[in-house]
Amino acid sequence: PNMNGLATGFILSQTSVVLATLTGIYFLKQHKTSKEMVITIIGLVLILVAASVTVFIK
């Protein structure tokens, strides 16, 4: 069977973590130190890069 729907759903579920994190930081005004913020942003970028790589794998 064609697994494109499953792959797309998995990628969307992983990128929802990015939205949830940014919502918690900015809309709920969660305070982080600069070191914590840098580590958080690096983690979010890694999630987005991994999702992008997954899209292009055939």
Protein backbone atom coordinates (compact mmCIF):
# COMPACT_ATOMS: atom_id res chain seq x y z
CA PRO A 1 0.00 0.00 0.00
CA ASN A 2 0.93 3.62 -0.48
CA MET A 3 2.41 5.00 2.76
CA ASN A 4 2.48 8.70 1.83
CA GLY A 5 -0.33 9.54 4.23
CA LEU A 6 1.43 7.88 7.13
CA ALA A 7 4.71 9.67 6.41
CA THR A 8 2.97 13.04 6.12
CA GLY A 9 1.10 12.48 9.37
CA PHE A 10 4.30 11.56 11.18
CA ILE A 11 6.09 14.69 9.94
CA LEU A 12 3.18 16.94 10.94
CA SER A 13 3.05 15.39 14.40
CA GLN A 14 6.77 16.02 14.90
CA THR A 15 6.57 19.64 13.76
CA SER A 16 3.66 20.30 16.12
CA VAL A 17 6.28 20.22 18.90
CA VAL A 18 7.81 23.35 17.35
CA LEU A 19 4.48 25.18 17.43
CA ALA A 20 3.78 24.09 21.01
CA THR A 21 7.22 25.22 22.19
CA LEU A 22 7.00 28.62 20.53
CA THR A 23 3.47 29.09 21.88
CA GLY A 24 4.65 28.35 25.41
CA ILE A 25 7.59 30.72 25.14
CA TYR A 26 5.98 33.72 23.46
CA PHE A 27 2.23 33.68 24.16
CA LEU A 28 2.45 32.35 27.70
CA LYS A 29 5.53 34.50 28.38
CA GLN A 30 7.71 31.70 29.72
CA HIS A 31 11.02 33.22 30.79
CA LYS A 32 14.24 31.47 29.81
CA THR A 33 17.87 32.38 30.24
CA SER A 34 19.82 33.15 27.09
CA LYS A 35 21.59 29.78 27.26
CA GLU A 36 18.27 27.93 27.58
CA MET A 37 16.82 29.92 24.69
CA VAL A 38 19.78 29.14 22.42
CA ILE A 39 19.54 25.42 23.22
CA THR A 40 15.77 25.49 22.64
CA ILE A 41 16.13 27.22 19.26
CA ILE A 42 18.85 24.77 18.20
CA GLY A 43 16.54 21.89 19.12
CA LEU A 44 13.65 23.37 17.16
CA VAL A 45 15.86 23.91 14.12
CA LEU A 46 17.03 20.29 14.33
CA ILE A 47 13.41 19.12 14.38
CA LEU A 48 12.62 21.20 11.29
CA VAL A 49 15.75 20.00 9.46
CA ALA A 50 14.93 16.37 10.25
CA ALA A 51 11.35 16.85 9.04
CA SER A 52 12.61 18.45 5.82
CA VAL A 53 15.04 15.60 5.20
CA THR A 54 12.26 13.08 5.82
CA VAL A 55 10.08 14.77 3.20
CA PHE A 56 12.75 14.39 0.52
CA ILE A 57 13.62 10.74 1.25
CA LYS A 58 11.99 8.40 -1.23
